[in-house]
Protein backbone atom coordinates (compact mmCIF):
# COMPACT_ATOMS: atom_id res chain seq x y z
CA MET A 1 0.00 0.00 0.00
CA ASN A 2 2.89 2.38 0.70
CA ALA A 3 4.47 2.11 -2.75
CA PRO A 4 1.34 3.13 -4.73
CA ARG A 5 0.70 6.03 -2.30
CA SER A 6 4.26 7.35 -2.73
CA LEU A 7 3.93 7.01 -6.50
CA LEU A 8 0.64 8.96 -6.41
CA LEU A 9 2.20 11.79 -4.40
CA ALA A 10 5.13 11.98 -6.75
CA SER A 11 2.81 12.16 -9.75
CA LEU A 12 0.64 14.91 -8.25
CA SER A 13 3.71 16.89 -7.35
CA SER A 14 5.14 16.67 -10.84
CA LEU A 15 1.84 17.92 -12.27
CA GLY A 16 1.85 20.96 -9.94
CA LEU A 17 -1.30 19.75 -8.20
CA LEU A 18 0.53 19.32 -4.90
CA ALA A 19 2.95 22.15 -4.08
CA LEU A 20 5.41 21.62 -1.28
CA PRO A 21 8.06 24.09 -0.06
CA ALA A 22 11.60 23.23 -0.99
CA SER A 23 12.39 22.72 2.65
CA ALA A 24 9.40 20.44 3.26
CA HIS A 25 9.94 16.74 3.76
CA ALA A 26 7.34 14.09 2.91
CA GLY A 27 7.63 10.52 3.96
CA PRO A 28 5.52 7.61 5.13
CA ALA A 29 5.16 7.24 8.85
CA ALA A 30 4.87 3.93 10.62
CA ASP A 31 1.08 4.11 10.52
CA GLY A 32 1.02 4.95 6.82
CA LYS A 33 0.42 8.71 7.27
CA VAL A 34 2.39 11.34 5.43
CA GLU A 35 4.19 13.90 7.65
CA LEU A 36 5.18 17.39 6.45
CA SER A 37 7.58 19.67 8.29
CA THR A 38 8.76 23.24 7.67
CA LYS A 39 11.74 23.64 9.93
CA LYS A 40 12.88 26.90 8.31
CA GLY A 41 9.45 28.45 8.81
CA GLY A 42 9.49 27.46 12.48
CA LYS A 43 12.84 29.11 13.00
CA ALA A 44 11.64 32.28 11.29
CA SER A 45 8.56 32.43 13.49
CA GLY A 46 10.67 31.98 16.60
CA LYS A 47 13.04 34.76 15.54
CA ALA A 48 10.12 37.10 14.90
CA LYS A 49 8.80 36.48 18.42
CA SER A 50 12.26 37.03 19.84
CA ASP A 51 12.60 40.30 17.88
CA ARG A 52 9.21 41.52 19.12
CA LYS A 53 10.11 40.68 22.70
CA LYS A 54 13.43 42.49 22.41
CA LYS A 55 11.73 45.48 20.83
CA ASN A 56 9.15 45.67 23.64
CA GLU A 57 11.85 45.41 26.31
CA GLU A 58 13.87 48.18 24.68
CA GLU A 59 10.77 50.33 24.30
CA ASN A 60 9.80 49.89 27.97
CA ALA A 61 13.36 50.63 29.09
CA ALA A 62 13.40 53.80 26.99
CA GLU A 63 10.13 55.00 28.55
CA LYS A 64 11.49 54.43 32.07
CA GLU A 65 14.40 56.72 31.25
CA LYS A 66 11.97 59.58 30.66
CA PRO A 67 10.50 61.75 33.43
CA TRP A 68 7.29 60.14 34.75
CA ILE A 69 5.06 62.87 33.31
CA ARG A 70 6.34 62.14 29.76
CA ARG A 71 6.08 58.34 29.78
CA TRP A 72 3.64 56.98 27.20
CA ALA A 73 2.59 60.52 26.33
CA PRO A 74 0.49 61.10 23.15
CA GLU A 75 2.37 60.90 19.84
CA ASN A 76 1.93 61.93 16.23
CA ASN A 77 -0.12 59.56 14.07
CA GLU A 78 -2.11 58.03 16.95
CA LEU A 79 -5.63 56.60 16.96
CA ASP A 80 -7.57 56.33 20.23
CA VAL A 81 -10.58 53.99 20.20
CA GLY A 82 -12.68 53.57 23.30
CA VAL A 83 -15.90 53.15 25.22
CA TYR A 84 -17.38 55.35 27.89
CA GLY A 85 -20.20 55.60 30.38
CA GLY A 86 -21.58 58.33 32.54
CA LEU A 87 -24.53 60.63 33.05
CA PHE A 88 -26.61 62.74 30.65
CA ILE A 89 -28.46 65.64 32.29
CA ARG A 90 -31.18 66.98 30.03
CA ALA A 91 -32.23 70.63 29.96
CA GLY A 92 -35.62 71.57 31.42
CA ASN A 93 -36.63 73.47 28.26
CA HIS A 94 -35.48 70.83 25.75
CA GLY A 95 -37.26 70.61 22.42
CA LEU A 96 -36.77 66.88 21.88
CA PHE A 97 -40.38 65.96 21.13
CA ASP A 98 -42.80 66.36 18.21
CA GLN A 99 -44.24 69.80 18.95
CA GLY A 100 -46.94 69.29 16.32
CA ILE A 101 -48.54 66.51 18.41
CA ASP A 102 -48.59 67.78 21.98
CA SER A 103 -46.81 69.90 24.56
CA GLN A 104 -43.53 68.87 26.18
CA PRO A 105 -43.92 65.69 28.24
CA PHE A 106 -41.96 65.11 31.44
CA ILE A 107 -38.86 62.95 30.86
CA ASN A 108 -36.39 61.82 33.54
CA GLN A 109 -33.78 64.54 33.91
CA THR A 110 -30.71 62.42 34.79
CA ASN A 111 -30.01 59.38 32.64
CA ALA A 112 -27.29 56.79 32.09
CA ASP A 113 -25.04 57.53 29.11
CA ILE A 114 -23.18 54.76 27.21
CA GLY A 115 -21.20 55.20 24.01
CA VAL A 116 -18.20 54.57 21.79
CA ARG A 117 -15.71 56.96 20.26
CA ALA A 118 -12.63 57.25 18.05
CA THR A 119 -10.10 60.08 17.85
CA TYR A 120 -7.24 60.44 15.39
CA PHE A 121 -4.24 62.66 16.16
CA PRO A 122 -2.14 63.45 13.07
CA ILE A 123 -0.04 65.56 15.43
CA ARG A 124 0.10 65.03 19.16
CA PHE A 125 -1.42 68.41 20.05
CA VAL A 126 -4.55 68.32 17.86
CA GLY A 127 -6.91 65.61 16.63
CA VAL A 128 -10.39 64.98 15.25
CA GLY A 129 -12.91 62.61 16.78
CA ILE A 130 -16.39 61.15 16.53
CA GLU A 131 -18.69 59.85 19.26
CA GLY A 132 -21.98 58.04 19.35
CA SER A 133 -24.01 57.23 22.44
CA GLY A 134 -27.39 56.22 23.78
CA MET A 135 -29.08 57.40 26.97
CA PRO A 136 -32.03 55.22 28.09
CA THR A 137 -34.77 57.20 29.81
CA ARG A 138 -38.47 57.15 30.61
CA ALA A 139 -41.50 59.44 30.29
CA PRO A 140 -43.55 58.56 33.41
CA GLN A 141 -46.63 60.59 32.48
CA ARG A 142 -47.00 58.72 29.20
CA ASP A 143 -45.85 55.42 30.74
CA VAL A 144 -43.34 54.77 27.97
CA GLY A 145 -39.63 54.22 27.66
CA ALA A 146 -37.41 56.22 25.33
CA THR A 147 -33.78 56.65 24.38
CA PHE A 148 -31.88 59.86 23.89
CA TRP A 149 -29.15 59.42 21.29
CA THR A 150 -26.36 61.51 19.87
CA PHE A 151 -23.83 61.38 17.09
CA ARG A 152 -21.22 64.11 16.91
CA GLY A 153 -17.82 65.13 15.66
CA HIS A 154 -15.30 67.52 17.13
CA VAL A 155 -11.78 68.88 17.20
CA VAL A 156 -9.66 67.86 20.21
CA GLY A 157 -6.81 69.92 21.58
CA GLN A 158 -4.49 68.42 24.18
CA LEU A 159 -1.18 68.88 26.01
CA PRO A 160 0.94 65.79 25.28
CA TYR A 161 1.88 64.57 28.74
CA ARG A 162 1.16 61.30 30.51
CA ILE A 163 -1.60 63.14 32.37
CA THR A 164 -3.16 64.89 29.37
CA PRO A 165 -5.51 67.90 29.70
CA THR A 166 -7.95 68.02 26.78
CA LEU A 167 -10.50 70.41 25.30
CA VAL A 168 -13.09 69.43 22.66
CA MET A 169 -15.31 71.58 20.49
CA GLY A 170 -17.70 70.47 17.76
CA GLY A 171 -21.25 69.71 16.72
CA GLY A 172 -23.67 66.95 15.83
CA ILE A 173 -27.20 65.68 16.37
CA LEU A 174 -29.05 65.04 19.63
CA GLY A 175 -32.30 63.14 19.34
CA ILE A 176 -34.83 60.88 21.03
CA ARG A 177 -36.55 57.67 19.90
CA SER A 178 -39.54 55.88 21.38
CA SER A 179 -42.59 53.83 20.47
CA ASP A 180 -44.59 56.97 21.32
CA PRO A 181 -44.79 59.24 18.24
CA LEU A 182 -44.52 62.28 20.49
CA LEU A 183 -41.01 61.23 21.47
CA GLN A 184 -39.55 61.10 17.99
CA ALA A 185 -37.30 64.11 17.34
CA GLY A 186 -33.79 65.31 16.63
CA GLU A 187 -31.97 68.65 16.81
CA GLY A 188 -28.63 69.99 15.65
CA VAL A 189 -26.41 70.79 18.62
CA PHE A 190 -23.09 72.43 19.43
CA HIS A 191 -20.91 71.01 22.21
CA TRP A 192 -17.67 71.75 24.01
CA GLY A 193 -16.00 70.58 27.18
CA PRO A 194 -12.76 70.04 29.11
CA GLY A 195 -11.32 66.69 30.10
CA VAL A 196 -8.26 64.81 31.26
CA LYS A 197 -6.69 61.59 30.02
CA ALA A 198 -4.26 59.39 32.01
CA HIS A 199 -2.05 56.96 30.03
CA ILE A 200 -1.60 53.76 32.02
CA ASN A 201 0.81 52.19 29.53
CA LYS A 202 1.51 52.01 25.80
CA TRP A 203 -1.96 50.70 24.98
CA ILE A 204 -4.43 51.88 27.64
CA ALA A 205 -5.64 55.32 28.75
CA VAL A 206 -8.38 56.33 31.19
CA ARG A 207 -10.35 59.43 30.24
CA LEU A 208 -12.69 61.77 32.14
CA ASP A 209 -14.72 64.35 30.20
CA GLY A 210 -17.37 66.98 30.74
CA ARG A 211 -19.68 68.14 27.96
CA HIS A 212 -21.80 71.25 27.59
CA ILE A 213 -24.35 70.61 24.83
CA VAL A 214 -26.26 73.57 23.40
CA GLU A 215 -29.54 72.84 21.59
CA GLY A 216 -30.88 75.69 19.45
CA GLY A 217 -34.59 74.87 19.52
CA GLY A 218 -35.79 74.72 23.12
CA SER A 219 -39.48 74.37 23.94
CA ASP A 220 -39.61 78.01 25.03
CA GLY A 221 -37.85 79.34 21.95
CA GLU A 222 -34.58 79.78 23.84
CA ARG A 223 -31.44 77.67 23.73
CA ALA A 224 -31.47 74.53 25.83
CA HIS A 225 -28.33 73.59 27.75
CA HIS A 226 -27.68 69.88 28.40
CA GLY A 227 -24.73 68.35 30.25
CA GLU A 228 -22.71 65.15 30.30
CA ILE A 229 -20.13 63.64 32.64
CA LEU A 230 -18.25 60.77 30.99
CA LEU A 231 -15.65 58.25 32.22
CA GLY A 232 -14.09 55.99 29.61
CA LEU A 233 -11.32 53.64 28.60
CA ASP A 234 -9.34 54.14 25.37
CA VAL A 235 -7.04 51.82 23.44
CA THR A 236 -4.18 53.89 21.98
CA LEU A 237 -2.91 52.68 18.61
CA ARG A 238 0.45 54.35 18.05
CA PHE A 239 0.89 53.84 14.31
CA LYS A 240 4.32 55.43 14.31
CA ARG A 241 5.57 52.60 16.51
CA ILE A 242 3.40 49.88 15.01
CA LEU A 243 4.59 50.55 11.46
CA ARG A 244 8.20 50.42 12.57
CA THR A 245 7.74 46.78 13.60
CA LYS A 246 6.69 45.65 10.12
CA GLY A 247 9.24 43.46 8.41
CA GLY A 248 9.56 45.73 5.38
CA ASN A 249 10.94 48.55 7.56
CA ARG A 250 13.52 46.59 9.50
CA ARG A 251 16.36 47.69 7.21
CA SER A 252 15.53 51.41 7.26
CA ASP A 253 17.58 53.78 9.41
CA SER A 254 15.74 57.12 9.54
CA ASP A 255 18.27 58.93 11.73
CA GLY A 256 21.38 57.43 10.10
CA ASP A 257 22.98 56.30 13.37
CA GLY A 258 23.69 52.77 12.12
CA ILE A 259 20.86 51.17 14.13
CA THR A 260 17.85 50.17 12.04
CA ASP A 261 14.49 51.65 12.98
CA PHE A 262 13.19 48.26 14.09
CA TYR A 263 15.74 48.14 16.93
CA ASP A 264 16.15 51.91 17.40
CA VAL A 265 14.31 53.23 20.48
CA CYS A 266 14.92 56.79 19.19
CA PRO A 267 14.49 56.32 15.40
CA ASP A 268 14.21 60.06 14.66
CA GLU A 269 17.21 61.08 16.75
CA ALA A 270 20.75 59.89 15.99
CA GLY A 271 22.32 58.27 19.01
CA ASP A 272 25.59 56.74 20.14
CA GLY A 273 24.01 54.32 22.61
CA ASP A 274 23.28 50.64 22.04
CA ASP A 275 19.55 51.41 22.01
CA GLY A 276 19.90 54.10 19.31
CA CYS A 277 19.40 57.03 21.68
CA PRO A 278 21.97 59.76 22.34
CA THR A 279 23.69 58.90 25.60
CA LYS A 280 24.81 62.51 25.98
CA GLU A 281 21.19 63.43 26.75
CA LYS A 282 20.81 60.84 29.51
CA ASP A 283 21.31 61.85 33.12
CA ARG A 284 20.05 58.97 35.22
CA ASP A 285 20.96 60.48 38.59
CA GLY A 286 19.60 63.95 37.70
CA ASP A 287 22.72 65.83 38.80
CA GLY A 288 22.98 67.84 35.58
CA ILE A 289 26.02 65.91 34.35
CA PRO A 290 25.28 63.71 31.29
CA ASP A 291 25.99 60.02 31.78
CA SER A 292 28.66 60.17 29.07
CA ARG A 293 30.72 62.49 31.32
CA ASP A 294 29.49 61.28 34.72
CA ARG A 295 31.97 59.01 36.47
CA CYS A 296 29.17 57.93 38.83
CA PRO A 297 26.02 57.99 36.64
CA GLY A 298 23.88 56.31 39.29
CA GLU A 299 24.77 58.65 42.19
CA TRP A 300 23.72 62.30 42.46
CA SER A 301 26.52 64.76 43.10
CA ASP A 302 27.28 68.47 42.77
CA ASN A 303 30.92 67.59 42.15
CA PRO A 304 32.05 68.39 38.56
CA GLY A 305 33.19 64.80 38.04
CA GLY A 306 29.75 63.45 38.84
CA CYS A 307 30.78 61.41 41.89
CA PRO A 308 29.77 62.41 45.41
CA ILE A 309 32.64 63.75 47.52
CA PRO A 310 33.25 61.24 50.34
CA ASP A 311 32.81 61.93 54.05
CA ASP A 312 34.96 59.24 55.64
CA ASP A 313 34.32 60.18 59.27
CA GLY A 314 30.57 60.65 58.76
CA ASP A 315 30.38 64.02 60.48
CA GLY A 316 28.48 65.70 57.63
CA ILE A 317 31.51 67.65 56.42
CA LEU A 318 32.84 66.35 53.10
CA ASN A 319 36.48 65.33 52.92
CA ALA A 320 37.25 68.23 50.59
CA ASP A 321 36.23 70.71 53.32
CA ASP A 322 37.24 68.61 56.35
CA ALA A 323 40.54 69.48 58.06
CA CYS A 324 40.34 66.14 59.90
CA PRO A 325 38.73 63.69 57.42
CA ASP A 326 39.40 60.71 59.69
CA GLU A 327 38.13 62.31 62.93
CA ALA A 328 34.50 63.36 63.38
CA GLU A 329 33.61 66.91 64.40
CA ASN A 330 32.08 67.03 67.90
CA TYR A 331 29.80 70.06 67.30
CA ASN A 332 30.15 72.05 70.52
CA LYS A 333 29.45 75.54 69.08
CA PHE A 334 33.19 76.17 68.72
CA LYS A 335 34.93 75.83 65.35
CA ASP A 336 32.26 73.40 64.19
CA LYS A 337 32.96 74.00 60.50
CA ASP A 338 36.57 72.75 60.39
CA GLY A 339 35.61 69.08 60.80
CA CYS A 340 37.97 68.47 63.73
CA PRO A 341 37.04 67.48 67.29
CA ASP A 342 37.99 70.23 69.73
CA GLU A 343 37.38 71.51 73.27
CA ARG A 344 36.17 74.97 74.10
CA PRO A 345 38.82 77.11 75.83
CA ALA A 346 38.20 77.99 79.47
CA GLU A 347 37.85 81.67 78.64
CA ILE A 348 34.89 80.81 76.35
CA GLU A 349 33.34 78.54 79.00
CA GLU A 350 33.30 81.54 81.35
CA PHE A 351 30.79 83.18 79.02
CA ASN A 352 28.45 80.24 78.48
CA GLY A 353 25.73 80.13 81.13
CA VAL A 354 24.90 82.48 84.03
CA ILE A 355 27.13 85.57 83.92
CA ARG A 356 27.79 86.82 87.45
CA GLY A 357 28.69 90.45 87.91
CA ILE A 358 26.30 92.09 85.40
CA ASN A 359 24.00 94.26 87.51
CA PHE A 360 21.26 96.80 86.85
CA ALA A 361 19.57 99.62 88.69
CA SER A 362 16.53 98.32 90.58
CA GLY A 363 13.52 97.97 88.29
CA LYS A 364 15.44 99.45 85.34
CA ALA A 365 17.54 98.35 82.35
CA ALA A 366 20.44 100.72 83.12
CA ILE A 367 23.71 98.78 83.51
CA ARG A 368 25.58 99.61 86.73
CA ARG A 369 29.24 100.66 86.50
CA ASP A 370 30.41 97.66 88.53
CA SER A 371 29.36 95.46 85.56
CA TYR A 372 31.87 96.93 83.09
CA LYS A 373 34.76 94.71 84.19
CA VAL A 374 32.85 91.53 83.30
CA LEU A 375 31.52 92.98 80.05
CA LYS A 376 35.00 94.06 78.93
CA ARG A 377 36.29 90.51 79.45
CA ALA A 378 33.40 89.29 77.29
CA ILE A 379 34.37 91.78 74.59
CA ARG A 380 38.00 90.54 74.62
CA VAL A 381 36.87 86.92 74.19
CA MET A 382 34.50 87.76 71.34
CA ASN A 383 37.22 89.74 69.57
CA LYS A 384 39.68 86.86 70.01
CA TYR A 385 37.20 84.31 68.58
CA PRO A 386 35.32 86.15 65.81
CA GLU A 387 33.35 83.03 64.83
CA LEU A 388 31.54 82.98 68.21
CA ARG A 389 27.86 83.86 68.29
CA ILE A 390 25.85 84.24 71.50
CA GLU A 391 22.33 84.62 72.78
CA VAL A 392 21.95 87.10 75.66
CA SER A 393 18.88 86.34 77.80
CA GLY A 394 17.47 88.37 80.68
CA HIS A 395 15.72 86.88 83.75
CA THR A 396 13.88 88.37 86.75
CA ASP A 397 12.39 87.24 90.02
CA SER A 398 8.63 86.83 90.45
CA VAL A 399 7.96 90.12 92.24
CA GLY A 400 5.58 92.31 90.25
CA SER A 401 3.41 91.56 87.22
CA HIS A 402 4.51 88.88 84.77
CA ASP A 403 4.26 91.07 81.68
CA SER A 404 6.28 93.89 83.18
CA ASN A 405 8.98 91.40 84.29
CA VAL A 406 9.22 89.88 80.79
CA ASP A 407 9.53 93.37 79.30
CA LEU A 408 12.18 94.37 81.85
CA SER A 409 14.21 91.19 81.23
CA LEU A 410 14.20 91.80 77.45
CA ARG A 411 15.23 95.43 77.86
CA ARG A 412 18.13 94.38 80.10
CA ALA A 413 19.28 91.80 77.52
CA GLU A 414 19.06 94.47 74.82
CA ALA A 415 21.10 96.84 77.01
CA VAL A 416 23.90 94.23 77.28
CA LYS A 417 23.82 93.69 73.51
CA GLN A 418 23.98 97.42 72.87
CA TYR A 419 27.02 97.75 75.18
CA LEU A 420 28.83 95.00 73.23
CA VAL A 421 27.86 96.48 69.85
CA ASP A 422 29.01 99.94 70.95
CA SER A 423 32.35 98.33 71.81
CA GLY A 424 32.79 97.00 68.23
CA ILE A 425 31.07 93.60 68.24
CA ASP A 426 28.97 92.96 65.09
CA SER A 427 25.28 92.98 66.02
CA SER A 428 24.66 89.90 63.81
CA ARG A 429 26.66 87.86 66.32
CA ILE A 430 24.27 88.59 69.18
CA GLU A 431 20.64 87.56 69.69
CA THR A 432 18.47 88.51 72.67
CA GLN A 433 15.65 86.95 74.67
CA GLY A 434 13.60 88.08 77.67
CA PHE A 435 12.16 85.29 79.83
CA GLY A 436 11.09 87.30 82.88
CA PRO A 437 10.35 84.98 85.83
CA ASP A 438 9.63 81.91 83.63
CA LYS A 439 13.00 80.14 84.11
CA PRO A 440 13.98 80.45 87.79
CA ILE A 441 17.14 78.75 89.08
CA ALA A 442 16.37 79.35 92.77
CA ASP A 443 13.42 79.72 95.17
CA ASN A 444 11.56 83.00 94.66
CA GLU A 445 10.17 82.73 98.20
CA THR A 446 13.53 83.71 99.70
CA LYS A 447 15.51 86.93 99.35
CA SER A 448 18.68 85.09 98.28
CA GLY A 449 16.72 83.01 95.78
CA ARG A 450 15.18 86.08 94.21
CA ALA A 451 18.64 87.65 93.93
CA GLU A 452 19.92 84.57 92.05
CA ASN A 453 16.97 84.64 89.68
CA ARG A 454 17.72 88.25 88.68
CA ARG A 455 20.46 87.46 86.18
CA ILE A 456 21.89 87.63 82.64
CA GLU A 457 22.81 84.43 80.76
CA PHE A 458 24.95 83.90 77.66
CA LYS A 459 24.37 80.87 75.41
CA LEU A 460 26.66 79.87 72.55
CA LEU A 461 24.94 79.62 69.13
CA ASP A 462 25.82 77.77 65.92
CA GLU A 463 28.33 79.47 63.68
CA GLN A 464 27.02 81.18 60.59
């Protein structure tokens, strides 16, 4: 049986009635069946899938390199096709009924709105679109169902970002259909409205729109104003990208960078990167230094080389500015910018805390002469260490009203500051506070305690 069957196949093939590819193999199987195989075709199909996968991976990687707001943004030569649902709010003075039969019947004012749409963008900023929708409703007084319907076209303007503001303007027909002859009508309408579109990925976008629909022939002779709120889902067909994946275009190189458009993530921009994009424009760490010149492209730095300046001792002062890069600064309000651990001299410690010997006339802010010796020592220390900054605070006992004591303490602190400034100390190095009786250091119930509480304190501040 096998010999006649093989002879028949050979005869049919020679007559052109059975055409087999040159790479196909025919032969009898053990059960007498003929098996055909196209190994070359299988390899080609596998390569095509591999190419598509590589292309998608490169495309996704290129989008991730962009700022988030520009990923999957609208493009030239794009078609958006989608569905939407929402609410249609009819105008009270609508003219959507046969006015030759009867007066305006009551129809539900708020109705579901379901439709389809398509929008083509020859350029990413402007497109043209069409929409068609139906809005089921009911006329309770006539005990009948009806359907508002609309078909319209418009121009769409948009800003091409991932979150895309839109504005539409156009016209069309708004009508109503029902088994009741009264509810058979249609009117020409103008519409406009703002919206926003969010691109989830290459293929999908979510869209929210508002519509203001103006009908010219209202039941009262005036314009009728209808409204719509629509939420929809669009499929974005990016023909510029789709056409690049066709086999006939795989050898083209639009930007002449040596990478064919099929594999080129930036086909309209010559690049020196493996993906066809200019690496000089990439700045992955956002430090303003292109990756091609950035010695540390994954780490932000304000260093010209692109690499962050190290801070070996972890004290917050970079090695380039740290006089002791291997020893941490101890931050004690004295030479805290040099990066070295240090101790405050004893003459500075004398003027950090309660300052004994600064006295005032009773109930006044006039400094007594016996205070000058202490103040002059303070002036010598501040002149010797020009980086020092201090806060002068005044304190009182609890005798008298609180407000008057706070005011007196502040005036006394200001008097000390003014003495130091008059002696040549820069006023920017001195701050003042008046705490009155709020921070006692002794018992105000005793005479000696009240005397201790009437005081001036110095506190060291951070260097500027």
